[in-house]
Amino acid sequence: MALDTDEIHPLFNGAPTGTEFKKLRKRLVRQTREAIEQYGMIEKDARWLVCLSGGKDSYTLLAVLHELQWRGLLPVDILACNLDQGQPGFPATVLPKFLEDMGVAHRIEYQDTYSVVVDKVPAGRTYCALCSRLRRGHLYRIAREEGCSAVVLGHHRDDILETFFMNLFHGGRLATMPPKLVNEEGDLFVYRPLAHVAEEDCDRFARAMNYPIIPCDLCGSQDGLQRQQVKRILDGWEQNSPGRRQVIFRALTNARPSHLLDPQLFDFAGLARSPGEIDENPQQIPKLR
């Protein structure tokens, strides 16, 4: 089925019919398809556990994957999953009702990791790191129980950029969220199909679709996070130089180990001159490679 038609997955009827929204939807679908193909996310007879938090990103992910599947461009089985972690005030009925109304195959799991996090994290520290580790462990378990080969997350381009700068500023390393990895146990893939998608586009899409957004600050542990500081830096750069985020993202796909400083990635000690090239031509300036 052609990607440039005006048809839309029947699960998402009621979407705006204006030209701008159609362009947005097609861009989301195209960029997601490109990431899936570029990073080799499709394997035969795959079943994906698509993690749904109730935020704008995971709603966008679910919608785009279903449309790709409907168009015959994503030959995998999709199971949506929400992990209710017991945060105070979490609206436990919102996602089950949404998924049932949309006719989306899903599993809702309740695990009170919030109490564990509150007990283990010292006062004044953020909960996010431990909360994320506990959540990931349960999602891996659920994926195995459901016969899934991959856990699929809604991280987008801006999440990847922010993680890169957090590692750079605070971790002393050049690293970020990869679009595809294998878990430590080696039995599950972790995919991020929205790797090429801008956060702003996820926000515009989710608002236009009027999804029932659940905030990610129910635990009260979000103020002053390093990620928010990095986000403000990137916002400032983007305001002064529109397109800066995309340029930085493109740089992450164009790494040159020989022009960095990691001897484990490039054999600097074994680098040799061409025999006689410098001696025979004393005025010749060596080429930069």
Protein backbone atom coordinates (compact mmCIF):
# COMPACT_ATOMS: atom_id res chain seq x y z
CA MET A 1 0.00 0.00 0.00
CA ALA A 2 1.41 3.36 -0.99
CA LEU A 3 2.64 5.60 1.79
CA ASP A 4 1.50 8.83 0.15
CA THR A 5 -2.25 8.12 0.12
CA ASP A 6 -4.69 10.13 2.23
CA GLU A 7 -6.03 6.99 3.92
CA ILE A 8 -5.37 6.44 7.60
CA HIS A 9 -5.52 3.42 9.87
CA PRO A 10 -9.18 2.87 10.82
CA LEU A 11 -8.25 2.73 14.52
CA PHE A 12 -7.50 6.44 14.30
CA ASN A 13 -10.51 7.72 12.43
CA GLY A 14 -11.53 11.14 13.67
CA ALA A 15 -8.06 12.61 13.11
CA PRO A 16 -7.91 16.16 11.73
CA THR A 17 -8.39 16.33 7.98
CA GLY A 18 -6.33 19.47 7.35
CA THR A 19 -3.26 19.53 5.14
CA GLU A 20 -0.84 20.30 7.95
CA PHE A 21 -1.92 17.30 9.99
CA LYS A 22 -1.71 15.02 6.96
CA LYS A 23 1.85 16.21 6.35
CA LEU A 24 2.70 15.63 10.00
CA ARG A 25 1.26 12.11 10.01
CA LYS A 26 3.03 11.16 6.80
CA ARG A 27 6.33 12.53 8.14
CA LEU A 28 5.97 10.50 11.33
CA VAL A 29 5.20 7.34 9.39
CA ARG A 30 8.05 7.92 6.93
CA GLN A 31 10.65 8.68 9.59
CA THR A 32 9.61 5.69 11.69
CA ARG A 33 9.74 3.41 8.67
CA GLU A 34 13.19 4.73 7.79
CA ALA A 35 14.52 4.02 11.28
CA ILE A 36 13.03 0.52 11.31
CA GLU A 37 14.68 -0.27 7.97
CA GLN A 38 17.99 1.52 8.62
CA TYR A 39 18.61 -0.26 11.92
CA GLY A 40 17.27 -3.65 10.89
CA MET A 41 14.41 -3.99 13.36
CA ILE A 42 12.25 -6.47 11.46
CA GLU A 43 12.80 -10.19 11.81
CA LYS A 44 10.66 -13.11 10.68
CA ASP A 45 7.63 -14.00 12.84
CA ALA A 46 8.43 -11.25 15.34
CA ARG A 47 6.13 -10.13 18.12
CA TRP A 48 6.70 -6.71 19.64
CA LEU A 49 5.82 -5.59 23.16
CA VAL A 50 5.06 -1.90 22.57
CA CYS A 51 5.37 -0.06 25.86
CA LEU A 52 2.66 2.52 26.52
CA SER A 53 3.16 4.97 29.38
CA GLY A 54 0.29 7.30 28.53
CA GLY A 55 2.62 10.09 27.41
CA LYS A 56 2.59 11.80 24.02
CA ASP A 57 5.55 9.78 22.73
CA SER A 58 4.17 6.32 23.42
CA TYR A 59 0.74 7.23 22.01
CA THR A 60 2.46 8.44 18.84
CA LEU A 61 4.54 5.28 18.67
CA LEU A 62 1.49 3.04 19.00
CA ALA A 63 -0.45 4.92 16.32
CA VAL A 64 2.40 4.99 13.81
CA LEU A 65 3.27 1.31 14.26
CA HIS A 66 -0.35 0.30 13.76
CA GLU A 67 -0.56 2.36 10.58
CA LEU A 68 2.63 0.82 9.23
CA GLN A 69 1.31 -2.63 10.09
CA TRP A 70 -2.00 -1.83 8.37
CA ARG A 71 -0.18 -0.68 5.25
CA GLY A 72 1.73 -3.97 5.06
CA LEU A 73 5.02 -2.23 5.86
CA LEU A 74 5.51 -3.74 9.32
CA PRO A 75 5.02 -7.54 9.26
CA VAL A 76 5.08 -8.05 13.03
CA ASP A 77 2.51 -8.82 15.73
CA ILE A 78 1.95 -5.90 18.13
CA LEU A 79 1.01 -6.18 21.80
CA ALA A 80 0.61 -2.91 23.70
CA CYS A 81 1.62 -2.99 27.34
CA ASN A 82 1.23 -0.57 30.23
CA LEU A 83 3.02 -1.10 33.52
CA ASP A 84 1.15 0.60 36.36
CA GLN A 85 3.93 1.25 38.89
CA GLY A 86 1.72 2.44 41.70
CA GLN A 87 2.51 6.15 41.59
CA PRO A 88 0.08 8.20 43.69
CA GLY A 89 -2.68 9.63 41.54
CA PHE A 90 -2.02 7.40 38.53
CA PRO A 91 -5.33 7.18 36.60
CA ALA A 92 -5.44 3.42 36.29
CA THR A 93 -8.55 3.29 34.09
CA VAL A 94 -7.40 5.68 31.34
CA LEU A 95 -5.17 3.39 29.30
CA PRO A 96 -7.28 0.21 29.58
CA LYS A 97 -10.34 2.14 28.36
CA PHE A 98 -8.39 3.79 25.52
CA LEU A 99 -6.94 0.49 24.32
CA GLU A 100 -10.26 -1.31 24.57
CA ASP A 101 -12.06 1.47 22.70
CA MET A 102 -9.41 1.35 19.97
CA GLY A 103 -9.53 -2.45 19.75
CA VAL A 104 -5.79 -2.71 20.41
CA ALA A 105 -4.44 -5.98 21.79
CA HIS A 106 -2.90 -5.16 25.16
CA ARG A 107 -1.77 -6.25 28.60
CA ILE A 108 -2.02 -4.12 31.72
CA GLU A 109 0.30 -5.08 34.58
CA TYR A 110 0.32 -3.67 38.11
CA GLN A 111 3.60 -3.70 40.04
CA ASP A 112 4.13 -1.34 42.96
CA THR A 113 7.69 -0.29 42.19
CA TYR A 114 6.94 3.21 43.51
CA SER A 115 7.08 2.06 47.13
CA VAL A 116 10.40 0.33 46.49
CA VAL A 117 11.87 3.47 44.90
CA VAL A 118 10.69 5.74 47.71
CA ASP A 119 12.21 3.37 50.26
CA LYS A 120 15.59 3.04 48.51
CA VAL A 121 16.26 6.55 47.14
CA PRO A 122 17.62 9.10 49.67
CA ALA A 123 15.55 12.19 50.32
CA GLY A 124 16.18 14.95 47.81
CA ARG A 125 17.37 12.62 45.03
CA THR A 126 15.38 11.89 41.88
CA TYR A 127 13.62 8.58 41.46
CA CYS A 128 14.04 8.25 37.70
CA ALA A 129 17.12 6.00 37.46
CA LEU A 130 15.93 3.30 39.85
CA CYS A 131 12.34 3.59 38.65
CA SER A 132 13.52 3.04 35.08
CA ARG A 133 15.60 -0.03 35.98
CA LEU A 134 12.74 -1.65 37.86
CA ARG A 135 10.31 -0.87 35.04
CA ARG A 136 12.65 -2.33 32.43
CA GLY A 137 13.05 -5.56 34.42
CA HIS A 138 9.28 -6.09 34.57
CA LEU A 139 8.89 -5.27 30.87
CA TYR A 140 11.52 -7.87 29.97
CA ARG A 141 9.67 -10.43 32.07
CA ILE A 142 6.34 -9.59 30.44
CA ALA A 143 7.89 -9.79 26.97
CA ARG A 144 9.15 -13.30 27.72
CA GLU A 145 5.80 -14.37 29.12
CA GLU A 146 4.02 -13.08 26.01
CA GLY A 147 6.46 -14.66 23.55
CA CYS A 148 7.76 -11.32 22.32
CA SER A 149 11.14 -10.94 20.65
CA ALA A 150 11.48 -7.21 21.25
CA VAL A 151 10.58 -4.52 23.75
CA VAL A 152 9.67 -1.36 21.83
CA LEU A 153 10.07 2.05 23.47
CA GLY A 154 8.86 5.54 22.55
CA HIS A 155 12.13 7.45 22.87
CA HIS A 156 12.48 10.04 20.10
CA ARG A 157 15.29 12.09 18.54
CA ASP A 158 15.34 14.66 21.35
CA ASP A 159 15.60 11.96 24.03
CA ILE A 160 18.62 10.61 22.18
CA LEU A 161 20.23 14.05 21.96
CA GLU A 162 19.58 14.85 25.62
CA THR A 163 21.06 11.52 26.70
CA PHE A 164 24.15 12.20 24.59
CA PHE A 165 24.77 15.53 26.31
CA MET A 166 24.02 14.11 29.74
CA ASN A 167 26.71 11.48 29.14
CA LEU A 168 29.04 14.15 27.78
CA PHE A 169 28.56 16.67 30.59
CA HIS A 170 28.09 14.34 33.55
CA GLY A 171 29.38 10.89 32.53
CA GLY A 172 32.56 11.77 30.66
CA ARG A 173 31.74 9.55 27.68
CA LEU A 174 30.38 9.78 24.15
CA ALA A 175 27.27 7.61 24.28
CA THR A 176 23.51 7.83 23.92
CA MET A 177 20.40 5.67 23.52
CA PRO A 178 20.95 3.36 20.54
CA PRO A 179 17.96 2.72 18.28
CA LYS A 180 18.53 -1.02 18.60
CA LEU A 181 20.26 -3.13 21.23
CA VAL A 182 20.17 -6.57 22.82
CA ASN A 183 19.44 -6.82 26.54
CA GLU A 184 22.09 -8.07 28.96
CA GLU A 185 20.57 -11.55 29.03
CA GLY A 186 20.83 -11.70 25.24
CA ASP A 187 17.28 -12.91 24.60
CA LEU A 188 15.43 -9.69 23.72
CA PHE A 189 15.88 -6.78 21.37
CA VAL A 190 15.13 -3.25 22.53
CA TYR A 191 13.95 -0.99 19.71
CA ARG A 192 13.38 2.76 19.47
CA PRO A 193 11.54 3.25 16.16
CA LEU A 194 10.97 6.97 16.81
CA ALA A 195 14.73 7.61 16.78
CA HIS A 196 14.41 10.02 13.82
CA VAL A 197 11.27 11.76 15.08
CA ALA A 198 11.34 15.20 16.75
CA GLU A 199 9.67 15.58 20.14
CA GLU A 200 7.73 18.58 18.81
CA ASP A 201 6.12 16.37 16.18
CA CYS A 202 5.06 13.80 18.80
CA ASP A 203 3.53 16.61 20.83
CA ARG A 204 1.67 18.08 17.88
CA PHE A 205 0.37 14.67 16.82
CA ALA A 206 -0.81 13.64 20.29
CA ARG A 207 -2.54 16.98 20.83
CA ALA A 208 -4.23 16.85 17.45
CA MET A 209 -5.48 13.32 18.18
CA ASN A 210 -6.68 14.46 21.62
CA TYR A 211 -5.10 11.50 23.36
CA PRO A 212 -5.70 11.22 27.14
CA ILE A 213 -2.19 12.21 28.25
CA ILE A 214 -0.92 10.97 31.60
CA PRO A 215 1.87 13.19 33.01
CA CYS A 216 5.25 11.75 33.98
CA ASP A 217 5.57 13.80 37.16
CA LEU A 218 3.12 11.97 39.41
CA CYS A 219 5.91 10.97 41.80
CA GLY A 220 7.01 14.60 42.33
CA SER A 221 10.61 13.74 41.47
CA GLN A 222 11.09 15.71 38.27
CA ASP A 223 12.23 19.19 39.40
CA GLY A 224 15.87 20.03 38.71
CA LEU A 225 16.66 16.94 36.69
CA GLN A 226 19.85 17.00 34.64
CA ARG A 227 17.76 16.12 31.59
CA GLN A 228 15.68 19.27 32.01
CA GLN A 229 18.85 21.35 32.22
CA VAL A 230 20.14 19.81 28.99
CA LYS A 231 16.77 20.38 27.34
CA ARG A 232 16.96 24.07 28.17
CA ILE A 233 20.45 24.28 26.66
CA LEU A 234 19.25 22.63 23.45
CA ASP A 235 16.19 24.90 23.37
CA GLY A 236 18.48 27.92 23.57
CA TRP A 237 20.68 26.65 20.76
CA GLU A 238 17.65 25.85 18.63
CA GLN A 239 16.22 29.33 19.19
CA ASN A 240 19.47 30.99 18.12
CA SER A 241 20.17 28.59 15.26
CA PRO A 242 17.03 26.81 13.99
CA GLY A 243 17.82 23.26 12.91
CA ARG A 244 20.68 22.85 15.40
CA ARG A 245 19.13 19.73 16.96
CA GLN A 246 18.95 17.97 13.60
CA VAL A 247 22.55 18.89 12.79
CA ILE A 248 23.74 17.41 16.09
CA PHE A 249 21.64 14.31 15.52
CA ARG A 250 23.14 13.88 12.07
CA ALA A 251 26.60 14.07 13.65
CA LEU A 252 25.73 11.06 15.83
CA THR A 253 25.16 9.06 12.64
CA ASN A 254 28.48 10.23 11.16
CA ALA A 255 31.10 9.34 13.76
CA ARG A 256 34.78 9.19 12.73
CA PRO A 257 36.80 7.17 15.26
CA SER A 258 40.10 8.32 13.72
CA HIS A 259 39.21 11.90 14.62
CA LEU A 260 38.36 11.19 18.23
CA LEU A 261 40.66 10.09 21.06
CA ASP A 262 39.61 6.56 21.97
CA PRO A 263 42.47 4.08 21.29
CA GLN A 264 40.02 1.20 21.69
CA LEU A 265 38.08 2.41 18.65
CA PHE A 266 41.05 3.39 16.50
CA ASP A 267 44.60 2.02 16.43
CA PHE A 268 46.55 5.25 16.88
CA ALA A 269 49.69 3.37 18.01
CA GLY A 270 49.65 1.29 14.85
CA LEU A 271 49.15 4.25 12.53
CA ALA A 272 52.08 4.47 10.10
CA ARG A 273 53.31 6.81 7.40
CA SER A 274 53.57 5.73 3.79
CA PRO A 275 57.19 4.56 3.31
CA GLY A 276 59.41 7.30 1.92
CA GLU A 277 56.54 9.69 1.23
CA ILE A 278 57.67 12.34 3.70
CA ASP A 279 61.44 11.97 3.18
CA GLU A 280 61.30 12.09 -0.62
CA ASN A 281 59.09 15.18 -0.61
CA PRO A 282 60.30 17.33 2.29
CA GLN A 283 58.08 20.29 1.30
CA GLN A 284 54.92 18.19 1.02
CA ILE A 285 52.34 18.75 3.77
CA PRO A 286 50.81 15.45 5.00
CA LYS A 287 47.16 15.08 4.15
CA LEU A 288 44.61 15.11 6.94
CA ARG A 289 42.45 12.01 6.89
